[in-house]
Protein backbone atom coordinates (compact mmCIF):
# COMPACT_ATOMS: atom_id res chain seq x y z
CA UNK A 1 5.77 36.88 -5.41
CA UNK A 2 3.85 40.05 -6.39
CA UNK A 3 6.03 43.10 -6.88
CA UNK A 4 8.89 41.08 -8.33
CA UNK A 5 9.80 40.36 -11.92
CA UNK A 6 10.76 36.87 -13.04
CA UNK A 7 14.21 38.25 -13.79
CA UNK A 8 14.67 39.12 -10.11
CA UNK A 9 14.66 35.43 -9.30
CA UNK A 10 15.95 33.78 -12.46
CA UNK A 11 19.03 35.08 -14.29
CA UNK A 12 19.04 35.04 -18.07
CA UNK A 13 21.83 32.43 -18.21
CA UNK A 14 22.18 29.32 -16.09
CA UNK A 15 19.64 27.63 -13.85
CA UNK A 16 17.30 29.59 -11.54
CA UNK A 17 18.75 30.44 -8.15
CA UNK A 18 16.52 29.73 -5.13
CA UNK A 19 15.17 32.89 -3.53
CA UNK A 20 15.57 33.33 0.21
CA UNK A 21 11.81 33.36 0.73
CA UNK A 22 11.31 30.00 -0.99
CA UNK A 23 14.20 27.88 0.17
CA UNK A 24 13.59 24.94 2.44
CA UNK A 25 16.57 23.78 4.49
CA UNK A 26 18.32 20.84 2.90
CA UNK A 27 20.52 18.41 4.84
CA UNK A 28 24.10 18.56 3.61
CA UNK A 29 26.06 15.33 3.12
CA UNK A 30 28.80 14.45 5.60
CA UNK A 31 32.45 14.77 4.55
CA UNK A 32 34.14 11.94 2.69
CA UNK A 33 36.06 11.09 5.88
CA UNK A 34 32.76 9.80 7.33
CA UNK A 35 32.63 6.97 4.78
CA UNK A 36 33.53 3.77 6.58
CA UNK A 37 35.73 1.28 4.73
CA UNK A 38 34.24 -2.04 3.71
CA UNK A 39 35.12 -4.68 6.33
CA UNK A 40 37.51 -7.42 5.32
CA UNK A 41 35.72 -9.87 7.63
CA UNK A 42 32.15 -9.77 6.34
CA UNK A 43 31.02 -12.65 8.56
CA UNK A 44 32.30 -10.97 11.68
CA UNK A 45 30.76 -7.63 10.75
CA UNK A 46 27.29 -9.03 10.05
CA UNK A 47 26.90 -11.69 12.75
CA UNK A 48 25.44 -9.18 15.26
CA UNK A 49 22.85 -8.13 12.65
CA UNK A 50 21.95 -11.77 11.99
CA UNK A 51 21.51 -12.42 15.70
CA UNK A 52 19.21 -9.40 16.09
CA UNK A 53 17.04 -10.22 13.07
CA UNK A 54 16.82 -14.02 12.99
CA UNK A 55 13.37 -15.40 13.74
CA UNK A 56 11.63 -12.04 13.38
CA UNK A 57 9.50 -10.78 10.48
CA UNK A 58 11.12 -7.65 9.15
CA UNK A 59 10.08 -4.21 8.06
CA UNK A 60 12.78 -2.95 5.69
CA UNK A 61 13.41 0.76 5.17
CA UNK A 62 15.60 1.59 2.18
CA UNK A 63 17.20 4.76 0.90
CA UNK A 64 19.31 5.87 -2.02
CA UNK A 65 22.29 3.82 -0.83
CA UNK A 66 20.68 0.59 -1.99
CA UNK A 67 20.47 1.90 -5.56
CA UNK A 68 23.93 3.42 -5.98
CA UNK A 69 25.29 0.11 -7.28
CA UNK A 70 22.58 0.28 -9.94
CA UNK A 71 24.12 3.53 -11.15
CA UNK A 72 21.76 5.96 -9.44
CA UNK A 73 23.65 8.51 -7.28
CA UNK A 74 22.42 9.74 -3.92
CA UNK A 75 22.24 13.09 -2.19
CA UNK A 76 23.80 12.34 1.15
CA UNK A 77 26.53 9.72 0.99
CA UNK A 78 29.76 10.96 2.55
CA UNK A 79 31.66 13.17 0.15
CA UNK A 80 28.71 13.81 -2.17
CA UNK A 81 28.65 17.33 -3.61
CA UNK A 82 26.15 19.65 -1.89
CA UNK A 83 22.91 19.98 -3.84
CA UNK A 84 19.92 22.28 -3.61
CA UNK A 85 16.94 20.24 -4.86
CA UNK A 86 13.93 22.14 -6.10
CA UNK A 87 11.22 22.53 -3.48
CA UNK A 88 7.47 22.25 -4.00
CA UNK A 89 7.15 25.94 -3.15
CA UNK A 90 9.54 26.85 -5.95
CA UNK A 91 7.81 24.57 -8.42
CA UNK A 92 4.41 26.11 -7.71
CA UNK A 93 5.61 29.71 -7.59
CA UNK A 94 6.40 30.30 -11.26
CA UNK A 95 6.23 28.88 -14.75
CA UNK A 96 9.99 29.54 -15.01
CA UNK A 97 10.73 27.12 -12.18
CA UNK A 98 8.54 24.50 -13.84
CA UNK A 99 10.33 25.04 -17.13
CA UNK A 100 13.64 24.45 -15.39
CA UNK A 101 12.30 21.33 -13.64
CA UNK A 102 10.91 19.68 -16.78
CA UNK A 103 13.98 20.46 -18.86
CA UNK A 104 16.12 18.67 -16.29
CA UNK A 105 13.67 15.84 -15.72
CA UNK A 106 13.26 15.25 -19.45
CA UNK A 107 16.82 13.94 -19.46
CA UNK A 108 17.15 12.56 -15.95
CA UNK A 109 14.08 10.32 -15.91
CA UNK A 110 15.50 8.21 -18.73
CA UNK A 111 18.51 7.33 -16.60
CA UNK A 112 16.24 5.98 -13.86
CA UNK A 113 14.19 4.08 -16.44
CA UNK A 114 17.31 2.29 -17.71
CA UNK A 115 18.60 1.29 -14.26
CA UNK A 116 18.33 -2.37 -13.23
CA UNK A 117 18.01 -3.90 -9.75
CA UNK A 118 21.18 -5.08 -8.04
CA UNK A 119 21.98 -7.90 -5.62
CA UNK A 120 20.60 -5.95 -2.66
CA UNK A 121 17.18 -5.54 -4.26
CA UNK A 122 17.10 -9.19 -5.28
CA UNK A 123 18.03 -10.37 -1.78
CA UNK A 124 15.01 -8.54 -0.32
CA UNK A 125 12.76 -10.25 -2.87
CA UNK A 126 14.06 -13.64 -1.77
CA UNK A 127 13.46 -12.77 1.87
CA UNK A 128 9.91 -11.63 1.11
CA UNK A 129 9.15 -14.86 -0.73
CA UNK A 130 10.39 -16.80 2.32
CA UNK A 131 8.21 -14.82 4.72
CA UNK A 132 11.06 -12.95 6.40
CA UNK A 133 10.44 -9.50 4.91
CA UNK A 134 6.86 -8.39 5.47
CA UNK A 135 7.21 -5.19 3.50
CA UNK A 136 9.62 -2.61 2.12
CA UNK A 137 9.29 1.09 2.86
CA UNK A 138 11.47 2.92 0.38
CA UNK A 139 12.43 6.56 0.06
CA UNK A 140 13.53 5.88 -3.51
CA UNK A 141 11.48 6.84 -6.55
CA UNK A 142 13.42 4.55 -8.91
CA UNK A 143 11.04 1.53 -8.79
CA UNK A 144 13.96 -0.89 -8.52
CA UNK A 145 12.32 -2.83 -5.68
CA UNK A 146 9.23 -3.43 -7.82
CA UNK A 147 11.32 -4.34 -10.86
CA UNK A 148 13.27 -6.84 -8.80
CA UNK A 149 10.01 -8.50 -7.78
CA UNK A 150 9.16 -7.13 -4.33
CA UNK A 151 5.39 -7.25 -3.86
CA UNK A 152 4.62 -5.19 -0.76
CA UNK A 153 6.40 -1.89 -1.33
CA UNK A 154 5.46 1.53 -0.01
CA UNK A 155 6.98 4.20 -2.25
CA UNK A 156 7.13 6.77 0.51
CA UNK A 157 8.32 9.59 -1.75
CA UNK A 158 6.41 8.56 -4.86
CA UNK A 159 7.54 7.12 -8.17
CA UNK A 160 9.17 8.74 -11.16
CA UNK A 161 7.11 7.02 -13.87
CA UNK A 162 3.73 8.67 -13.18
CA UNK A 163 2.65 12.24 -13.94
CA UNK A 164 -0.50 13.84 -12.58
CA UNK A 165 -2.39 17.07 -13.19
CA UNK A 166 -2.67 19.42 -10.23
CA UNK A 167 -5.95 20.70 -11.64
CA UNK A 168 -8.16 17.81 -12.69
CA UNK A 169 -6.11 14.98 -11.18
CA UNK A 170 -5.67 13.13 -14.48
CA UNK A 171 -2.75 10.71 -14.44
CA UNK A 172 -0.52 9.63 -17.29
CA UNK A 173 2.74 7.77 -17.70
CA UNK A 174 6.05 9.59 -17.76
CA UNK A 175 6.79 7.76 -21.01
CA UNK A 176 3.73 9.30 -22.68
CA UNK A 177 4.72 12.75 -21.45
CA UNK A 178 8.21 12.16 -22.78
CA UNK A 179 6.80 11.76 -26.28
CA UNK A 180 4.88 15.05 -25.96
CA UNK A 181 7.91 16.91 -24.60
CA UNK A 182 10.16 15.49 -27.30
CA UNK A 183 7.76 16.74 -29.97
CA UNK A 184 7.69 20.19 -28.36
CA UNK A 185 11.49 20.28 -27.95
CA UNK A 186 13.12 18.62 -30.98
CA UNK A 187 16.86 18.19 -30.59
CA UNK A 188 16.88 18.97 -26.87
CA UNK A 189 18.58 15.72 -25.94
CA UNK A 190 21.40 16.38 -28.35
CA UNK A 191 22.20 19.58 -26.48
CA UNK A 192 22.58 17.97 -23.08
CA UNK A 193 23.86 14.41 -23.52
CA UNK A 194 26.64 15.15 -21.03
CA UNK A 195 24.28 16.36 -18.30
CA UNK A 196 24.99 15.23 -14.75
CA UNK A 197 22.30 12.90 -13.45
CA UNK A 198 20.86 13.64 -10.01
CA UNK A 199 19.18 11.18 -7.62
CA UNK A 200 15.64 12.51 -8.11
CA UNK A 201 15.54 11.68 -11.84
CA UNK A 202 16.81 15.16 -12.66
CA UNK A 203 19.74 16.21 -14.79
CA UNK A 204 21.76 19.28 -13.83
CA UNK A 205 21.54 21.56 -16.86
CA UNK A 206 23.23 24.93 -17.12
CA UNK A 207 20.60 26.62 -19.29
CA UNK A 208 16.93 25.69 -19.54
CA UNK A 209 15.27 28.87 -20.78
CA UNK A 210 14.40 27.46 -24.21
CA UNK A 211 12.49 24.40 -23.01
CA UNK A 212 8.78 24.19 -23.86
CA UNK A 213 6.61 22.71 -21.09
CA UNK A 214 3.53 20.59 -21.75
CA UNK A 215 0.27 21.26 -19.91
CA UNK A 216 -2.37 18.70 -18.99
CA UNK A 217 -3.87 17.21 -22.15
CA UNK A 218 -7.27 17.01 -20.43
CA UNK A 219 -7.75 20.42 -18.79
CA UNK A 220 -4.65 22.47 -19.60
CA UNK A 221 -3.57 22.47 -15.95
CA UNK A 222 -0.12 22.23 -14.38
CA UNK A 223 1.53 18.81 -14.47
CA UNK A 224 3.86 17.37 -11.85
CA UNK A 225 5.64 14.08 -11.41
CA UNK A 226 4.03 11.89 -8.77
CA UNK A 227 6.89 12.32 -6.32
CA UNK A 228 7.23 14.07 -2.98
CA UNK A 229 9.22 17.25 -3.50
CA UNK A 230 11.35 18.81 -0.78
CA UNK A 231 8.87 20.90 1.20
CA UNK A 232 6.04 18.53 0.22
CA UNK A 233 4.12 16.07 2.42
CA UNK A 234 3.86 12.29 2.23
CA UNK A 235 0.27 11.32 1.31
CA UNK A 236 -1.73 9.96 4.30
CA UNK A 237 -2.42 6.64 2.54
CA UNK A 238 1.31 5.97 2.27
CA UNK A 239 1.86 6.93 5.90
CA UNK A 240 -0.82 4.43 6.93
CA UNK A 241 0.65 1.70 4.73
CA UNK A 242 4.12 2.24 6.18
CA UNK A 243 2.75 2.19 9.71
CA UNK A 244 1.07 -1.17 9.12
CA UNK A 245 4.31 -2.71 7.88
CA UNK A 246 6.26 -1.49 10.91
CA UNK A 247 3.55 -2.54 13.36
CA UNK A 248 3.35 -6.04 11.86
CA UNK A 249 7.11 -6.52 12.03
CA UNK A 250 9.22 -7.89 14.83
CA UNK A 251 12.29 -5.88 13.85
CA UNK A 252 13.31 -3.09 11.49
CA UNK A 253 16.18 -3.29 9.02
CA UNK A 254 17.43 -0.01 7.55
CA UNK A 255 19.41 -0.50 4.33
CA UNK A 256 21.25 2.28 2.54
CA UNK A 257 19.65 5.29 4.21
CA UNK A 258 21.09 8.09 6.32
CA UNK A 259 17.53 8.68 7.63
CA UNK A 260 18.13 12.39 7.20
CA UNK A 261 14.48 12.86 6.21
CA UNK A 262 11.96 12.52 9.03
CA UNK A 263 9.43 10.67 6.84
CA UNK A 264 11.64 7.58 7.18
CA UNK A 265 13.23 8.24 10.57
CA UNK A 266 9.83 8.28 12.28
CA UNK A 267 9.35 4.57 11.60
CA UNK A 268 12.69 3.68 13.14
CA UNK A 269 11.79 5.67 16.22
CA UNK A 270 8.40 3.98 16.37
CA UNK A 271 9.98 0.52 16.29
CA UNK A 272 12.52 1.52 18.94
CA UNK A 273 9.73 2.89 21.13
CA UNK A 274 7.93 -0.45 20.84
CA UNK A 275 11.02 -2.38 21.87
CA UNK A 276 11.73 -3.88 18.46
CA UNK A 277 15.35 -4.40 17.38
CA UNK A 278 16.66 -1.87 14.88
CA UNK A 279 19.53 -2.83 12.56
CA UNK A 280 21.12 -0.17 10.36
CA UNK A 281 23.29 -1.15 7.39
CA UNK A 282 24.90 1.75 5.57
CA UNK A 283 28.42 3.06 5.18
CA UNK A 284 27.83 6.61 6.42
CA UNK A 285 26.42 8.11 9.63
CA UNK A 286 22.66 8.16 10.20
CA UNK A 287 20.20 9.98 12.44
CA UNK A 288 19.33 6.68 14.11
CA UNK A 289 22.84 5.73 15.22
CA UNK A 290 21.98 6.54 18.84
CA UNK A 291 19.00 4.16 18.95
CA UNK A 292 20.12 1.37 16.62
CA UNK A 293 20.70 -1.98 18.32
CA UNK A 294 23.19 -2.94 15.60
CA UNK A 295 25.02 -0.59 13.26
CA UNK A 296 27.03 -2.14 10.41
CA UNK A 297 29.11 -0.16 7.91
CA UNK A 298 28.79 -2.48 4.90
CA UNK A 299 27.44 -1.86 1.41
CA UNK A 300 23.95 -3.22 0.89
CA UNK A 301 24.97 -5.26 -2.16
CA UNK A 302 27.27 -7.28 0.11
CA UNK A 303 25.22 -7.28 3.31
CA UNK A 304 21.73 -8.14 2.06
CA UNK A 305 22.68 -11.26 0.06
CA UNK A 306 24.73 -12.41 3.06
CA UNK A 307 21.70 -12.05 5.32
CA UNK A 308 19.38 -13.67 2.78
CA UNK A 309 21.56 -16.79 2.80
CA UNK A 310 21.43 -17.09 6.60
CA UNK A 311 18.11 -15.75 7.92
CA UNK A 312 15.67 -18.62 8.52
CA UNK A 313 12.42 -18.69 6.59
CA UNK A 314 9.22 -17.76 8.44
CA UNK A 315 5.58 -18.59 7.96
CA UNK A 316 3.06 -15.78 7.67
CA UNK A 317 1.63 -16.77 11.00
CA UNK A 318 4.80 -16.09 12.98
CA UNK A 319 3.99 -13.42 15.58
CA UNK A 320 7.19 -11.43 15.26
CA UNK A 321 8.69 -12.13 18.68
CA UNK A 322 10.84 -14.97 19.98
């Protein structure tokens, strides 16, 4: 970044524009024509999934599609507008990027905090209680699985409600940081009540240059939300936890994910390699369509309760194969 002025990368009006040297390729959503219609015959559509999953303990992999009916949009459903999420490299490169991030997040995180679990989340809780679901691996940062009551959840891409210092490692709640940011930026919410909410607890704001960013209250270091940015890496502990869930399972159920990000796709490939059935339930195309044993284009709020009513309960001692 040496040899460049901030103004070379960030115009005086509007949000910063990603520089060519910092951009990380983002997967664009498919066209709206790729969105499959909801089937009229739900029983007929889901019977193959039931046959593949019945009697097997499940590893469930979820994406943004399971939370859309809770009012949280996603990046990659067919017909979604193209987005350019901020990358970790951008966030670390300049205080101006961080100002833009926190101004957006200051509004967007409240939308995620107000969201409530839907029927799909609740169905997975029921299946976990009955021994069918052995764990949920979610790409979502919205905490809706935990709020619904799921116990064994791997938040693969982090969670929106925790903030940590990149210097001393101190952690605090996003709610506490909100109070600090509100004090530093009185009236900010009134300026942007009509902001568009994005899936990563951001709000798309046109101008963020006036926002005052809070530093770590312990050491004065740079704060970041405890989420995996684009261009970031999934922490090893979460990788290990996800691996254990997949290895303990007898089948994998993908719900509401296009699997565009390799951090989730790898577990589907691992299960397929090990000969375990893979069932994908989502209304758009996915990167696992070529290896899925069953592919059903049904919304998760219809499909998961249907499966929860029909999958037989399992004991914790069931080995995962029939």
